[in-house]
Amino acid sequence: MKDKKMLIVTILISFLSGVKGVYLAEFIALTLIVFYDKNLSKAFKIKGILVLFFCFTTVTMVILNISPFKELIKSDRLLTAIFSYRIEYSKELISLITKDNFNYLIGATGIEKVRLEMQIIDIFLFFGIIGFAVYSYFIYGIYKIIKKKYLAVILLLTVIITSIFIGNLFYIPMSSLLIVLTLLCLSKDEDFIKINPIA
């Protein structure tokens, strides 16, 4: 955040990605940063969050008015374009679940299609209650390490909230590794980072 040029480049690149999940993650992260910053007044926080919400809504509407989302809205509906058919896939998957192909403790045992690209739901569908408990324990373990560093906590909250609407954040190895490494870096003391730049 102290490197303004890099911050601008990062925001610009993510904006050019055209991925709705990226915009959502940015909105959540920036909103939480403004909300939890003790140096900002209450009035400034309210104005800042409103501005962020306006920007996020505007960018989302612009994206939804270009191809292929524009065609999706015309042929189906707005929610289909926003969630990229996830609602329809959810209904289809629920209709396929039976006692023979799904176990609540260990997840899917015989369903061909189990991923909805909605991470929290996917973890339960694929790994069941046991798997969901293991993931929750893992995330709680990370939180205990980073809980004193608000930026690290904000990133973790952003990832968790975003994962409700998108997939691949936790069960793709490279993604999980990058998230954990970033959280650990954000949790380090500044003096430690100056002495050990690689850390």
C-alpha atoms as a PDB file:
ATOM      1  CA  MET A   1       0.000   0.000   0.000  1.00  0.00           C
ATOM      2  CA  LYS A   2       2.985   2.310   0.533  1.00  0.00           C
ATOM      3  CA  ASP A   3       4.117   1.781  -3.067  1.00  0.00           C
ATOM      4  CA  LYS A   4       1.497   3.964  -4.769  1.00  0.00           C
ATOM      5  CA  LYS A   5       2.698   3.204  -8.305  1.00  0.00           C
ATOM      6  CA  MET A   6       2.480  -0.541  -7.743  1.00  0.00           C
ATOM      7  CA  LEU A   7      -0.955  -0.130  -6.134  1.00  0.00           C
ATOM      8  CA  ILE A   8      -2.227   1.786  -9.188  1.00  0.00           C
ATOM      9  CA  VAL A   9      -0.741  -0.800 -11.582  1.00  0.00           C
ATOM     10  CA  THR A  10      -2.339  -3.650  -9.596  1.00  0.00           C
ATOM     11  CA  ILE A  11      -5.769  -1.991  -9.589  1.00  0.00           C
ATOM     12  CA  LEU A  12      -5.473  -1.185 -13.316  1.00  0.00           C
ATOM     13  CA  ILE A  13      -4.461  -4.738 -14.267  1.00  0.00           C
ATOM     14  CA  SER A  14      -7.258  -6.230 -12.191  1.00  0.00           C
ATOM     15  CA  PHE A  15      -9.714  -3.788 -13.768  1.00  0.00           C
ATOM     16  CA  LEU A  16      -8.617  -4.840 -17.254  1.00  0.00           C
ATOM     17  CA  SER A  17      -9.107  -8.516 -16.366  1.00  0.00           C
ATOM     18  CA  GLY A  18     -12.863  -8.212 -16.901  1.00  0.00           C
ATOM     19  CA  VAL A  19     -13.512 -10.796 -14.175  1.00  0.00           C
ATOM     20  CA  LYS A  20     -16.485  -9.971 -11.923  1.00  0.00           C
ATOM     21  CA  GLY A  21     -14.984 -11.893  -9.001  1.00  0.00           C
ATOM     22  CA  VAL A  22     -11.899  -9.656  -9.107  1.00  0.00           C
ATOM     23  CA  TYR A  23     -14.070  -6.530  -8.886  1.00  0.00           C
ATOM     24  CA  LEU A  24     -15.999  -8.020  -5.990  1.00  0.00           C
ATOM     25  CA  ALA A  25     -12.770  -8.887  -4.148  1.00  0.00           C
ATOM     26  CA  GLU A  26     -11.399  -5.369  -4.667  1.00  0.00           C
ATOM     27  CA  PHE A  27     -14.632  -3.808  -3.437  1.00  0.00           C
ATOM     28  CA  ILE A  28     -14.705  -5.987  -0.316  1.00  0.00           C
ATOM     29  CA  ALA A  29     -11.003  -5.457   0.485  1.00  0.00           C
ATOM     30  CA  LEU A  30     -11.053  -1.678   0.001  1.00  0.00           C
ATOM     31  CA  THR A  31     -14.319  -1.356   1.948  1.00  0.00           C
ATOM     32  CA  LEU A  32     -12.875  -3.311   4.873  1.00  0.00           C
ATOM     33  CA  ILE A  33      -9.650  -1.280   4.788  1.00  0.00           C
ATOM     34  CA  VAL A  34     -11.611   1.969   4.977  1.00  0.00           C
ATOM     35  CA  PHE A  35     -13.939   0.597   7.662  1.00  0.00           C
ATOM     36  CA  TYR A  36     -11.174  -0.687   9.959  1.00  0.00           C
ATOM     37  CA  ASP A  37      -8.715   2.200   9.506  1.00  0.00           C
ATOM     38  CA  LYS A  38      -8.535   3.890  12.917  1.00  0.00           C
ATOM     39  CA  ASN A  39      -7.013   7.046  11.428  1.00  0.00           C
ATOM     40  CA  LEU A  40     -10.149   7.861   9.421  1.00  0.00           C
ATOM     41  CA  SER A  41     -13.117   9.748  10.810  1.00  0.00           C
ATOM     42  CA  LYS A  42     -16.571   8.180  10.864  1.00  0.00           C
ATOM     43  CA  ALA A  43     -17.856  10.704   8.298  1.00  0.00           C
ATOM     44  CA  PHE A  44     -14.937   9.955   5.940  1.00  0.00           C
ATOM     45  CA  LYS A  45     -15.534   6.208   6.298  1.00  0.00           C
ATOM     46  CA  ILE A  46     -19.197   6.575   5.332  1.00  0.00           C
ATOM     47  CA  LYS A  47     -18.325   8.747   2.321  1.00  0.00           C
ATOM     48  CA  GLY A  48     -15.489   6.420   1.304  1.00  0.00           C
ATOM     49  CA  ILE A  49     -17.650   3.304   1.462  1.00  0.00           C
ATOM     50  CA  LEU A  50     -20.425   5.013  -0.522  1.00  0.00           C
ATOM     51  CA  VAL A  51     -17.910   6.063  -3.196  1.00  0.00           C
ATOM     52  CA  LEU A  52     -16.522   2.519  -3.369  1.00  0.00           C
ATOM     53  CA  PHE A  53     -20.040   1.079  -3.653  1.00  0.00           C
ATOM     54  CA  PHE A  54     -20.847   3.544  -6.441  1.00  0.00           C
ATOM     55  CA  CYS A  55     -17.651   2.649  -8.324  1.00  0.00           C
ATOM     56  CA  PHE A  56     -18.235  -1.088  -7.910  1.00  0.00           C
ATOM     57  CA  THR A  57     -21.866  -0.825  -9.046  1.00  0.00           C
ATOM     58  CA  THR A  58     -20.910   1.355 -12.032  1.00  0.00           C
ATOM     59  CA  VAL A  59     -18.133  -0.981 -13.186  1.00  0.00           C
ATOM     60  CA  THR A  60     -20.412  -4.004 -12.768  1.00  0.00           C
ATOM     61  CA  MET A  61     -23.176  -2.377 -14.828  1.00  0.00           C
ATOM     62  CA  VAL A  62     -20.679  -1.457 -17.563  1.00  0.00           C
ATOM     63  CA  ILE A  63     -19.438  -5.056 -17.691  1.00  0.00           C
ATOM     64  CA  LEU A  64     -23.006  -6.405 -17.802  1.00  0.00           C
ATOM     65  CA  ASN A  65     -23.774  -4.189 -20.785  1.00  0.00           C
ATOM     66  CA  ILE A  66     -21.078  -5.666 -22.995  1.00  0.00           C
ATOM     67  CA  SER A  67     -20.828  -9.072 -24.668  1.00  0.00           C
ATOM     68  CA  PRO A  68     -21.417 -11.840 -23.623  1.00  0.00           C
ATOM     69  CA  PHE A  69     -23.285 -10.628 -20.525  1.00  0.00           C
ATOM     70  CA  LYS A  70     -25.576  -8.368 -22.524  1.00  0.00           C
ATOM     71  CA  GLU A  71     -26.792 -11.348 -24.555  1.00  0.00           C
ATOM     72  CA  LEU A  72     -27.240 -13.420 -21.386  1.00  0.00           C
ATOM     73  CA  ILE A  73     -29.503 -10.787 -19.863  1.00  0.00           C
ATOM     74  CA  LYS A  74     -31.618 -10.668 -23.018  1.00  0.00           C
ATOM     75  CA  SER A  75     -31.908 -14.445 -23.418  1.00  0.00           C
ATOM     76  CA  ASP A  76     -32.145 -15.407 -19.749  1.00  0.00           C
ATOM     77  CA  ARG A  77     -32.136 -12.904 -16.896  1.00  0.00           C
ATOM     78  CA  LEU A  78     -29.964 -10.500 -14.900  1.00  0.00           C
ATOM     79  CA  LEU A  79     -29.108 -13.005 -12.145  1.00  0.00           C
ATOM     80  CA  THR A  80     -27.916 -15.484 -14.764  1.00  0.00           C
ATOM     81  CA  ALA A  81     -25.457 -12.908 -16.104  1.00  0.00           C
ATOM     82  CA  ILE A  82     -24.296 -11.846 -12.636  1.00  0.00           C
ATOM     83  CA  PHE A  83     -23.743 -15.379 -11.345  1.00  0.00           C
ATOM     84  CA  SER A  84     -22.728 -16.883 -14.724  1.00  0.00           C
ATOM     85  CA  TYR A  85     -25.311 -19.703 -14.655  1.00  0.00           C
ATOM     86  CA  ARG A  86     -24.377 -20.749 -11.084  1.00  0.00           C
ATOM     87  CA  ILE A  87     -28.013 -20.588  -9.941  1.00  0.00           C
ATOM     88  CA  GLU A  88     -29.099 -22.846 -12.796  1.00  0.00           C
ATOM     89  CA  TYR A  89     -26.210 -25.247 -12.126  1.00  0.00           C
ATOM     90  CA  SER A  90     -27.170 -25.339  -8.439  1.00  0.00           C
ATOM     91  CA  LYS A  91     -30.750 -26.344  -9.254  1.00  0.00           C
ATOM     92  CA  GLU A  92     -29.514 -28.996 -11.687  1.00  0.00           C
ATOM     93  CA  LEU A  93     -27.046 -30.434  -9.182  1.00  0.00           C
ATOM     94  CA  ILE A  94     -29.567 -30.518  -6.325  1.00  0.00           C
ATOM     95  CA  SER A  95     -31.949 -32.479  -8.543  1.00  0.00           C
ATOM     96  CA  LEU A  96     -29.201 -35.080  -9.165  1.00  0.00           C
ATOM     97  CA  ILE A  97     -28.354 -35.688  -5.504  1.00  0.00           C
ATOM     98  CA  THR A  98     -29.636 -38.981  -4.092  1.00  0.00           C
ATOM     99  CA  LYS A  99     -28.759 -41.270  -1.184  1.00  0.00           C
ATOM    100  CA  ASP A 100     -26.773 -43.439  -3.611  1.00  0.00           C
ATOM    101  CA  ASN A 101     -24.445 -40.756  -4.976  1.00  0.00           C
ATOM    102  CA  PHE A 102     -23.991 -38.396  -2.026  1.00  0.00           C
ATOM    103  CA  ASN A 103     -22.912 -38.861   1.588  1.00  0.00           C
ATOM    104  CA  TYR A 104     -23.300 -35.932   3.988  1.00  0.00           C
ATOM    105  CA  LEU A 105     -20.142 -36.875   5.894  1.00  0.00           C
ATOM    106  CA  ILE A 106     -17.720 -37.363   2.984  1.00  0.00           C
ATOM    107  CA  GLY A 107     -19.465 -35.598   0.094  1.00  0.00           C
ATOM    108  CA  ALA A 108     -20.149 -36.699  -3.475  1.00  0.00           C
ATOM    109  CA  THR A 109     -19.516 -40.360  -4.229  1.00  0.00           C
ATOM    110  CA  GLY A 110     -21.064 -40.773  -7.652  1.00  0.00           C
ATOM    111  CA  ILE A 111     -22.125 -37.394  -9.065  1.00  0.00           C
ATOM    112  CA  GLU A 112     -20.340 -36.525 -12.297  1.00  0.00           C
ATOM    113  CA  LYS A 113     -20.680 -32.782 -11.828  1.00  0.00           C
ATOM    114  CA  VAL A 114     -20.037 -31.524  -8.296  1.00  0.00           C
ATOM    115  CA  ARG A 115     -18.434 -28.108  -8.743  1.00  0.00           C
ATOM    116  CA  LEU A 116     -20.584 -24.995  -8.878  1.00  0.00           C
ATOM    117  CA  GLU A 117     -17.659 -22.534  -8.731  1.00  0.00           C
ATOM    118  CA  MET A 118     -19.059 -21.373  -5.388  1.00  0.00           C
ATOM    119  CA  GLN A 119     -16.229 -22.365  -3.079  1.00  0.00           C
ATOM    120  CA  ILE A 120     -18.007 -22.772   0.256  1.00  0.00           C
ATOM    121  CA  ILE A 121     -20.772 -24.905  -1.283  1.00  0.00           C
ATOM    122  CA  ASP A 122     -18.265 -26.832  -3.407  1.00  0.00           C
ATOM    123  CA  ILE A 123     -16.225 -27.832  -0.348  1.00  0.00           C
ATOM    124  CA  PHE A 124     -19.325 -29.308   1.284  1.00  0.00           C
ATOM    125  CA  LEU A 125     -20.468 -31.034  -1.919  1.00  0.00           C
ATOM    126  CA  PHE A 126     -17.059 -32.503  -2.704  1.00  0.00           C
ATOM    127  CA  PHE A 127     -15.771 -33.287   0.805  1.00  0.00           C
ATOM    128  CA  GLY A 128     -18.901 -33.352   2.976  1.00  0.00           C
ATOM    129  CA  ILE A 129     -19.203 -32.251   6.600  1.00  0.00           C
ATOM    130  CA  ILE A 130     -15.837 -33.786   7.516  1.00  0.00           C
ATOM    131  CA  GLY A 131     -14.041 -31.968   4.718  1.00  0.00           C
ATOM    132  CA  PHE A 132     -15.793 -28.712   5.532  1.00  0.00           C
ATOM    133  CA  ALA A 133     -14.730 -29.061   9.176  1.00  0.00           C
ATOM    134  CA  VAL A 134     -11.101 -29.688   8.134  1.00  0.00           C
ATOM    135  CA  TYR A 135     -11.077 -26.604   5.884  1.00  0.00           C
ATOM    136  CA  SER A 136     -12.653 -24.513   8.646  1.00  0.00           C
ATOM    137  CA  TYR A 137     -10.026 -25.710  11.133  1.00  0.00           C
ATOM    138  CA  PHE A 138      -7.262 -24.854   8.649  1.00  0.00           C
ATOM    139  CA  ILE A 139      -8.634 -21.336   8.101  1.00  0.00           C
ATOM    140  CA  TYR A 140      -9.031 -20.833  11.858  1.00  0.00           C
ATOM    141  CA  GLY A 141      -5.408 -21.919  12.328  1.00  0.00           C
ATOM    142  CA  ILE A 142      -4.300 -19.272   9.834  1.00  0.00           C
ATOM    143  CA  TYR A 143      -6.456 -16.662  11.551  1.00  0.00           C
ATOM    144  CA  LYS A 144      -4.778 -17.361  14.903  1.00  0.00           C
ATOM    145  CA  ILE A 145      -1.400 -16.606  13.300  1.00  0.00           C
ATOM    146  CA  ILE A 146      -2.441 -13.354  11.598  1.00  0.00           C
ATOM    147  CA  LYS A 147      -5.133 -11.994  13.944  1.00  0.00           C
ATOM    148  CA  LYS A 148      -2.960  -9.130  15.254  1.00  0.00           C
ATOM    149  CA  LYS A 149      -2.362  -7.705  11.762  1.00  0.00           C
ATOM    150  CA  TYR A 150      -5.515  -6.069  10.435  1.00  0.00           C
ATOM    151  CA  LEU A 151      -4.458  -6.045   6.764  1.00  0.00           C
ATOM    152  CA  ALA A 152      -3.859  -9.798   6.859  1.00  0.00           C
ATOM    153  CA  VAL A 153      -7.245 -10.320   8.540  1.00  0.00           C
ATOM    154  CA  ILE A 154      -8.883  -8.118   5.891  1.00  0.00           C
ATOM    155  CA  LEU A 155      -7.339 -10.217   3.117  1.00  0.00           C
ATOM    156  CA  LEU A 156      -8.530 -13.430   4.782  1.00  0.00           C
ATOM    157  CA  LEU A 157     -12.060 -12.024   5.179  1.00  0.00           C
ATOM    158  CA  THR A 158     -12.010 -10.889   1.546  1.00  0.00           C
ATOM    159  CA  VAL A 159     -11.004 -14.357   0.371  1.00  0.00           C
ATOM    160  CA  ILE A 160     -13.677 -16.060   2.498  1.00  0.00           C
ATOM    161  CA  ILE A 161     -16.489 -13.701   1.420  1.00  0.00           C
ATOM    162  CA  THR A 162     -15.427 -13.815  -2.231  1.00  0.00           C
ATOM    163  CA  SER A 163     -15.248 -17.617  -2.117  1.00  0.00           C
ATOM    164  CA  ILE A 164     -18.989 -17.740  -1.468  1.00  0.00           C
ATOM    165  CA  PHE A 165     -19.524 -16.510  -5.038  1.00  0.00           C
ATOM    166  CA  ILE A 166     -16.498 -17.893  -6.917  1.00  0.00           C
ATOM    167  CA  GLY A 167     -14.421 -21.070  -6.909  1.00  0.00           C
ATOM    168  CA  ASN A 168     -10.806 -22.258  -7.050  1.00  0.00           C
ATOM    169  CA  LEU A 169      -9.519 -20.165  -4.133  1.00  0.00           C
ATOM    170  CA  PHE A 170      -8.961 -22.969  -1.632  1.00  0.00           C
ATOM    171  CA  TYR A 171      -8.769 -26.301  -3.421  1.00  0.00           C
ATOM    172  CA  ILE A 172      -6.403 -25.266  -6.229  1.00  0.00           C
ATOM    173  CA  PRO A 173      -2.882 -25.803  -4.779  1.00  0.00           C
ATOM    174  CA  MET A 174      -1.184 -22.759  -6.367  1.00  0.00           C
ATOM    175  CA  SER A 175      -4.011 -20.442  -5.348  1.00  0.00           C
ATOM    176  CA  SER A 176      -4.005 -21.754  -1.763  1.00  0.00           C
ATOM    177  CA  LEU A 177      -0.213 -21.403  -1.579  1.00  0.00           C
ATOM    178  CA  LEU A 178      -0.289 -17.801  -2.792  1.00  0.00           C
ATOM    179  CA  ILE A 179      -3.052 -16.897  -0.328  1.00  0.00           C
ATOM    180  CA  VAL A 180      -1.218 -18.423   2.638  1.00  0.00           C
ATOM    181  CA  LEU A 181       2.147 -16.862   1.675  1.00  0.00           C
ATOM    182  CA  THR A 182       0.541 -13.436   1.238  1.00  0.00           C
ATOM    183  CA  LEU A 183      -1.219 -13.721   4.598  1.00  0.00           C
ATOM    184  CA  LEU A 184       2.035 -14.706   6.324  1.00  0.00           C
ATOM    185  CA  CYS A 185       3.888 -11.806   4.681  1.00  0.00           C
ATOM    186  CA  LEU A 186       1.212  -9.344   5.788  1.00  0.00           C
ATOM    187  CA  SER A 187       1.390 -10.713   9.324  1.00  0.00           C
ATOM    188  CA  LYS A 188       5.136 -10.082   9.635  1.00  0.00           C
ATOM    189  CA  ASP A 189       6.445  -7.050  11.500  1.00  0.00           C
ATOM    190  CA  GLU A 190       7.830  -4.268   9.289  1.00  0.00           C
ATOM    191  CA  ASP A 191      11.209  -4.418  11.029  1.00  0.00           C
ATOM    192  CA  PHE A 192      11.426  -8.153  10.327  1.00  0.00           C
ATOM    193  CA  ILE A 193      10.628  -7.591   6.641  1.00  0.00           C
ATOM    194  CA  LYS A 194      13.319  -4.895   6.350  1.00  0.00           C
ATOM    195  CA  ILE A 195      15.903  -7.275   7.774  1.00  0.00           C
ATOM    196  CA  ASN A 196      14.611 -10.286   5.809  1.00  0.00           C
ATOM    197  CA  PRO A 197      13.230  -8.984   2.466  1.00  0.00           C
ATOM    198  CA  ILE A 198      12.533 -12.495   1.160  1.00  0.00           C
ATOM    199  CA  ALA A 199      10.236 -13.216   4.114  1.00  0.00           C
END
